[in-house]
Protein backbone atom coordinates (compact mmCIF):
# COMPACT_ATOMS: atom_id res chain seq x y z
CA MET A 1 5.27 18.71 -3.05
CA PRO A 2 4.90 22.42 -1.99
CA ASP A 3 8.31 24.53 -1.33
CA ARG A 4 9.17 24.24 2.01
CA PRO A 5 12.34 25.48 4.16
CA PRO A 6 15.55 23.39 3.37
CA ASP A 7 15.76 22.26 6.97
CA GLN A 8 11.93 21.16 7.29
CA ALA A 9 12.49 17.65 6.54
CA LEU A 10 15.10 17.23 9.54
CA PHE A 11 13.05 19.01 11.86
CA VAL A 12 11.43 16.58 14.37
CA ALA A 13 14.62 15.11 15.57
CA GLU A 14 16.05 18.44 16.46
CA HIS A 15 12.97 20.07 17.97
CA VAL A 16 12.02 16.68 20.11
CA GLU A 17 13.83 15.90 23.29
CA SER A 18 15.96 12.76 23.11
CA TYR A 19 14.16 9.62 23.75
CA HIS A 20 15.64 7.10 26.22
CA GLY A 21 13.24 4.31 26.18
CA GLY A 22 10.02 3.66 28.13
CA ARG A 23 6.74 6.02 27.74
CA LEU A 24 7.39 9.54 26.06
CA SER A 25 7.21 12.67 28.23
CA CYS A 26 4.11 14.76 28.06
CA ASP A 27 6.45 17.48 26.53
CA GLN A 28 8.01 15.08 24.17
CA VAL A 29 4.41 14.08 22.76
CA ALA A 30 3.32 17.78 22.38
CA ARG A 31 6.36 18.94 20.72
CA PHE A 32 6.30 16.15 18.36
CA ARG A 33 2.80 16.70 17.38
CA GLU A 34 3.24 20.53 17.34
CA VAL A 35 6.17 20.01 14.70
CA VAL A 36 4.46 17.27 12.42
CA TRP A 37 1.26 19.11 12.46
CA SER A 38 3.06 22.39 11.62
CA TYR A 39 4.83 20.56 8.60
CA TYR A 40 1.47 19.09 7.12
CA ARG A 41 -0.16 22.11 7.57
CA SER A 42 2.50 23.89 5.01
CA ALA A 43 3.60 21.00 2.79
CA SER A 44 0.86 18.24 2.53
CA ARG A 45 0.83 16.19 -0.28
CA PRO A 46 -2.75 16.28 -2.22
CA MET A 47 -3.91 12.67 -3.32
CA PRO A 48 -7.42 11.66 -4.45
CA TRP A 49 -7.98 9.10 -1.94
CA ARG A 50 -7.36 11.61 0.66
CA GLN A 51 -10.18 13.61 -0.33
CA THR A 52 -12.89 10.87 0.22
CA ARG A 53 -14.16 9.15 2.93
CA ASP A 54 -15.96 6.43 1.33
CA PRO A 55 -14.53 3.20 2.71
CA TYR A 56 -14.73 1.24 -0.50
CA ARG A 57 -12.74 3.93 -2.23
CA ILE A 58 -10.14 4.20 0.50
CA MET A 59 -9.93 0.23 0.49
CA VAL A 60 -9.11 0.18 -3.26
CA SER A 61 -6.45 2.86 -2.88
CA GLU A 62 -4.94 0.97 -0.08
CA PHE A 63 -4.69 -2.37 -2.01
CA MET A 64 -3.21 -0.44 -5.23
CA LEU A 65 -0.72 1.14 -2.82
CA GLN A 66 0.72 -2.09 -1.35
CA GLN A 67 4.68 -1.88 -2.61
CA THR A 68 3.70 0.63 -5.40
CA GLN A 69 4.51 4.15 -5.53
CA VAL A 70 1.97 7.24 -5.32
CA CYS A 71 2.87 8.46 -8.59
CA ARG A 72 1.94 5.10 -10.50
CA VAL A 73 -1.19 4.39 -8.27
CA GLU A 74 -2.72 7.96 -8.80
CA PRO A 75 -3.96 7.90 -12.45
CA ARG A 76 -4.95 4.10 -12.65
CA TYR A 77 -6.93 4.74 -9.26
CA HIS A 78 -9.32 7.22 -11.18
CA GLY A 79 -9.90 4.96 -14.17
CA PHE A 80 -10.42 1.63 -11.73
CA LEU A 81 -13.12 3.78 -9.99
CA GLU A 82 -14.88 5.05 -13.10
CA ARG A 83 -15.47 1.38 -14.28
CA PHE A 84 -15.95 -0.08 -10.85
CA PRO A 85 -17.45 2.77 -8.68
CA SER A 86 -18.73 0.58 -5.75
CA VAL A 87 -18.20 -2.96 -4.33
CA PHE A 88 -21.09 -4.14 -6.34
CA PRO A 89 -20.01 -3.86 -10.14
CA LEU A 90 -16.49 -4.96 -8.81
CA ALA A 91 -18.08 -8.10 -7.16
CA ALA A 92 -20.08 -8.96 -10.59
CA ALA A 93 -17.29 -8.52 -13.01
CA PRO A 94 -15.16 -11.34 -14.24
CA LEU A 95 -11.75 -11.68 -12.91
CA GLY A 96 -10.40 -11.01 -16.26
CA GLU A 97 -12.28 -7.72 -16.34
CA VAL A 98 -10.83 -6.73 -13.36
CA LEU A 99 -7.12 -7.71 -14.32
CA ARG A 100 -7.35 -5.72 -17.47
CA SER A 101 -8.36 -2.62 -15.40
CA TRP A 102 -5.50 -3.27 -12.82
CA GLN A 103 -3.09 -3.31 -15.77
CA GLY A 104 0.28 -1.22 -14.99
CA LEU A 105 -0.16 -1.41 -11.33
CA GLY A 106 1.77 -4.91 -11.28
CA TYR A 107 1.52 -7.42 -8.22
CA ASN A 108 -1.66 -8.68 -10.21
CA ARG A 109 -2.53 -11.18 -7.34
CA ARG A 110 -3.81 -7.94 -5.17
CA ALA A 111 -6.48 -7.52 -8.00
CA LYS A 112 -7.38 -11.10 -7.52
CA HIS A 113 -7.53 -10.59 -3.78
CA LEU A 114 -9.33 -7.06 -4.03
CA HIS A 115 -11.98 -8.84 -6.15
CA GLU A 116 -12.74 -11.92 -4.06
CA THR A 117 -12.74 -9.23 -0.78
CA ALA A 118 -15.19 -7.15 -2.93
CA LYS A 119 -17.51 -10.49 -3.54
CA LEU A 120 -17.59 -10.94 0.10
CA ILE A 121 -18.39 -7.70 1.32
CA ALA A 122 -21.28 -7.55 -1.41
CA SER A 123 -22.66 -10.76 -0.13
CA ARG A 124 -22.75 -9.44 3.13
CA GLY A 125 -24.68 -5.97 2.34
CA GLY A 126 -21.80 -4.27 0.56
CA ILE A 127 -20.60 -2.57 3.76
CA VAL A 128 -17.01 -2.35 4.15
CA PRO A 129 -16.28 -3.53 7.71
CA ASP A 130 -14.86 -0.96 10.53
CA ASP A 131 -13.20 -3.28 12.63
CA VAL A 132 -9.57 -4.34 12.20
CA ARG A 133 -10.21 -8.12 13.07
CA GLU A 134 -12.97 -8.37 10.72
CA LEU A 135 -11.04 -6.20 7.89
CA ARG A 136 -7.90 -8.62 8.35
CA SER A 137 -10.04 -11.83 7.70
CA LEU A 138 -10.61 -10.51 4.12
CA PRO A 139 -8.34 -11.70 1.27
CA GLY A 140 -5.16 -9.68 0.65
CA ILE A 141 -5.87 -7.55 3.78
CA GLY A 142 -3.08 -7.55 6.36
CA ARG A 143 -2.23 -5.98 9.40
CA TYR A 144 -1.33 -2.29 7.83
CA THR A 145 -4.00 -2.51 5.15
CA ALA A 146 -6.59 -3.42 7.86
CA ALA A 147 -5.30 -0.78 10.23
CA ALA A 148 -5.27 1.82 7.35
CA VAL A 149 -8.77 1.35 6.28
CA ALA A 150 -9.92 1.46 9.86
CA ALA A 151 -8.36 4.54 10.57
CA PHE A 152 -8.31 6.51 7.10
CA ALA A 153 -12.06 5.52 6.29
CA PHE A 154 -13.52 5.32 10.19
CA GLU A 155 -11.01 7.56 12.19
CA ARG A 156 -10.58 4.52 14.36
CA ARG A 157 -7.56 5.11 17.01
CA VAL A 158 -5.62 1.99 15.93
CA VAL A 159 -1.70 1.79 15.37
CA VAL A 160 -0.95 2.28 11.74
CA LEU A 161 2.95 1.80 10.98
CA GLU A 162 4.15 1.82 7.21
CA THR A 163 7.53 2.57 5.66
CA ASN A 164 7.42 6.30 5.92
CA ILE A 165 5.87 6.57 9.45
CA ARG A 166 8.62 4.06 10.36
CA ARG A 167 11.18 5.99 9.18
CA LEU A 168 9.98 9.22 10.96
CA PHE A 169 10.12 7.59 14.19
CA LEU A 170 13.32 5.78 13.63
CA HIS A 171 14.72 9.33 12.42
CA THR A 172 13.29 11.12 15.63
CA PHE A 173 13.55 8.68 18.60
CA PHE A 174 15.86 5.91 17.52
CA SER A 175 18.52 7.92 16.02
CA GLU A 176 21.24 5.82 17.39
CA ALA A 177 19.85 2.39 17.60
CA HIS A 178 20.08 -0.37 15.44
CA ASP A 179 17.84 -3.55 14.49
CA VAL A 180 14.85 -1.88 15.86
CA ALA A 181 11.65 -3.80 15.76
CA ASP A 182 8.08 -2.57 14.81
CA SER A 183 7.16 -3.67 18.32
CA ASP A 184 9.34 -1.08 19.78
CA ILE A 185 8.15 1.73 17.42
CA GLU A 186 4.00 0.83 17.67
CA PRO A 187 4.00 2.14 21.41
CA LEU A 188 5.38 5.29 20.69
CA VAL A 189 2.87 5.56 17.65
CA GLU A 190 -0.08 4.87 19.99
CA GLN A 191 1.32 7.53 22.71
CA THR A 192 1.45 10.35 20.05
CA LEU A 193 -1.48 9.20 18.41
CA PRO A 194 -4.35 12.10 18.99
CA GLU A 195 -8.05 11.74 20.23
CA HIS A 196 -9.50 13.23 17.07
CA GLU A 197 -8.39 14.04 13.43
CA VAL A 198 -6.70 10.53 13.44
CA ARG A 199 -6.71 10.07 9.54
CA HIS A 200 -4.70 13.49 9.19
CA TRP A 201 -2.47 12.68 11.86
CA TYR A 202 -1.61 9.63 9.91
CA TYR A 203 -1.45 11.75 6.54
CA ALA A 204 0.92 14.15 8.24
CA LEU A 205 3.27 11.34 9.85
CA MET A 206 3.51 9.79 5.97
CA ASP A 207 4.11 12.97 4.70
CA CYS A 208 6.94 14.01 7.21
CA GLY A 209 8.61 10.61 6.66
CA ALA A 210 8.43 10.67 2.91
CA ALA A 211 10.35 14.25 3.20
CA LEU A 212 12.96 12.41 5.01
CA ALA A 213 13.99 10.13 2.11
CA GLY A 214 16.53 11.07 0.08
CA VAL A 215 17.46 13.97 2.44
CA VAL A 216 18.94 12.06 5.29
CA ALA A 217 20.51 8.64 5.28
CA ASN A 218 17.59 6.00 4.89
CA ALA A 219 16.48 5.50 8.82
CA ASN A 220 14.64 2.32 7.56
CA ARG A 221 17.74 0.24 7.17
CA ARG A 222 18.21 0.23 10.92
CA SER A 223 14.87 -1.40 11.40
CA ARG A 224 14.61 -5.24 11.89
CA HIS A 225 12.52 -5.64 9.34
CA TYR A 226 14.21 -4.09 6.58
CA THR A 227 14.58 -5.88 3.14
CA ARG A 228 15.28 -4.52 -0.42
CA GLN A 229 12.66 -5.34 -3.00
CA THR A 230 13.70 -8.12 -5.22
CA ARG A 231 14.89 -6.86 -8.57
CA PHE A 232 12.04 -6.89 -11.01
CA SER A 233 13.69 -7.10 -14.50
CA GLY A 234 14.72 -10.87 -15.19
CA SER A 235 12.14 -12.22 -12.46
CA VAL A 236 9.57 -14.90 -12.75
CA ARG A 237 7.28 -11.68 -11.47
CA GLU A 238 8.12 -9.88 -14.50
CA VAL A 239 7.31 -12.92 -16.74
CA ARG A 240 3.77 -12.88 -14.90
CA GLY A 241 3.10 -9.51 -15.66
CA LEU A 242 3.93 -9.81 -19.18
CA ILE A 243 1.41 -13.18 -19.55
CA ILE A 244 -1.21 -10.88 -17.90
CA ARG A 245 -0.68 -8.06 -20.38
CA VAL A 246 -1.01 -10.11 -23.44
CA LEU A 247 -4.18 -12.02 -22.31
CA SER A 248 -5.68 -8.76 -21.30
CA GLU A 249 -5.28 -7.44 -24.70
CA HIS A 250 -6.25 -10.72 -26.72
CA ARG A 251 -8.35 -12.64 -23.97
CA GLU A 252 -7.62 -15.91 -25.44
CA VAL A 253 -4.41 -17.41 -27.40
CA SER A 254 -2.63 -20.47 -27.94
CA LEU A 255 0.76 -21.47 -25.96
CA GLU A 256 3.00 -20.66 -28.98
CA GLN A 257 0.99 -17.36 -29.39
CA LEU A 258 1.52 -16.43 -25.95
CA GLU A 259 5.03 -17.33 -25.97
CA ARG A 260 5.81 -15.28 -29.25
CA ALA A 261 3.85 -12.30 -28.12
CA ILE A 262 5.83 -11.73 -24.83
CA GLY A 263 9.33 -12.66 -26.27
CA PRO A 264 12.18 -14.86 -25.11
CA THR A 265 11.72 -15.47 -21.36
CA ASP A 266 13.85 -18.47 -21.06
CA GLU A 267 13.28 -20.87 -18.22
CA ARG A 268 11.00 -18.38 -16.47
CA PHE A 269 8.24 -18.85 -18.67
CA LEU A 270 6.61 -22.21 -17.45
CA PRO A 271 6.80 -21.08 -13.68
CA ALA A 272 5.12 -18.02 -14.31
CA LEU A 273 2.47 -19.42 -16.34
CA GLU A 274 1.76 -22.33 -13.70
CA GLY A 275 1.90 -19.74 -10.76
CA LEU A 276 -0.77 -17.95 -12.46
CA GLU A 277 -2.84 -20.84 -12.77
CA ARG A 278 -2.38 -22.11 -9.66
CA ASP A 279 -3.10 -18.72 -8.18
CA GLY A 280 -6.51 -19.15 -9.97
CA MET A 281 -5.74 -16.10 -12.65
CA VAL A 282 -5.48 -17.81 -16.03
CA VAL A 283 -7.10 -21.17 -17.33
CA VAL A 284 -4.66 -23.37 -19.42
CA ALA A 285 -6.71 -25.45 -21.58
CA ARG A 286 -5.31 -28.30 -24.17
CA SER A 287 -5.44 -25.54 -27.07
CA SER A 288 -5.37 -22.19 -25.61
CA ILE A 289 -5.08 -19.90 -22.51
CA SER A 290 -7.04 -17.06 -21.19
CA LEU A 291 -7.73 -14.83 -17.99
CA ARG A 292 -10.09 -16.51 -15.79
């Protein structure tokens, strides 16, 4: 992130009149917008998916960014789009090839959902929907991802709420509150949303919220929906990732070869393998295991 004055991460709450419930005043909205835009102009974060208006590329980035940090997504985003530059080659590819290109991002079920979504979109002419309700009907697209694609690709004036935006609104307008529901925050997100430059406004909110992380106490802990991510090391999810990695490299192996390749995993191996088979990502035959 570009250099910035040391107090800028704290600026919003200090410069916006205290919030006491109900609708925000015109002055609160204007001041909030002013300081958020000011921060964004001086310290916006460059990201490749912010440089495109291609709905497909934006959709791919949103799938990748689900529960994954920007620094891990960025290098793999480019490689994935080189292999699958539009919805049609992605839809036509075997799932195993998609999973191989997804390696390193984790949560491989997202790749399967993205692949299924691409096939549905391709079958309907290849046009990514601009309607939130239609987007939410696609595999792997929940409330946030649908709103993000609609806002970032199509400038739709919809409420987008993710961890950085939530942190910023909690810090600014709910500094003394606890157990704050998203339903309390969303009306304020809607009230502060400008008529134009919707996607850049949301980028600005995200960058301001990200700047608060590590500078002040995590305001998201005061959210009713706050949960800690489960530990990856020692989890079944870790073994699922190892299985996918081995099958991406060797395409087809025996059960014994697979167990030997991933090393000791105690009682996690069978639940991981069975889960991958149940999710339709691997094929378990009598003498071999492969990606679907």
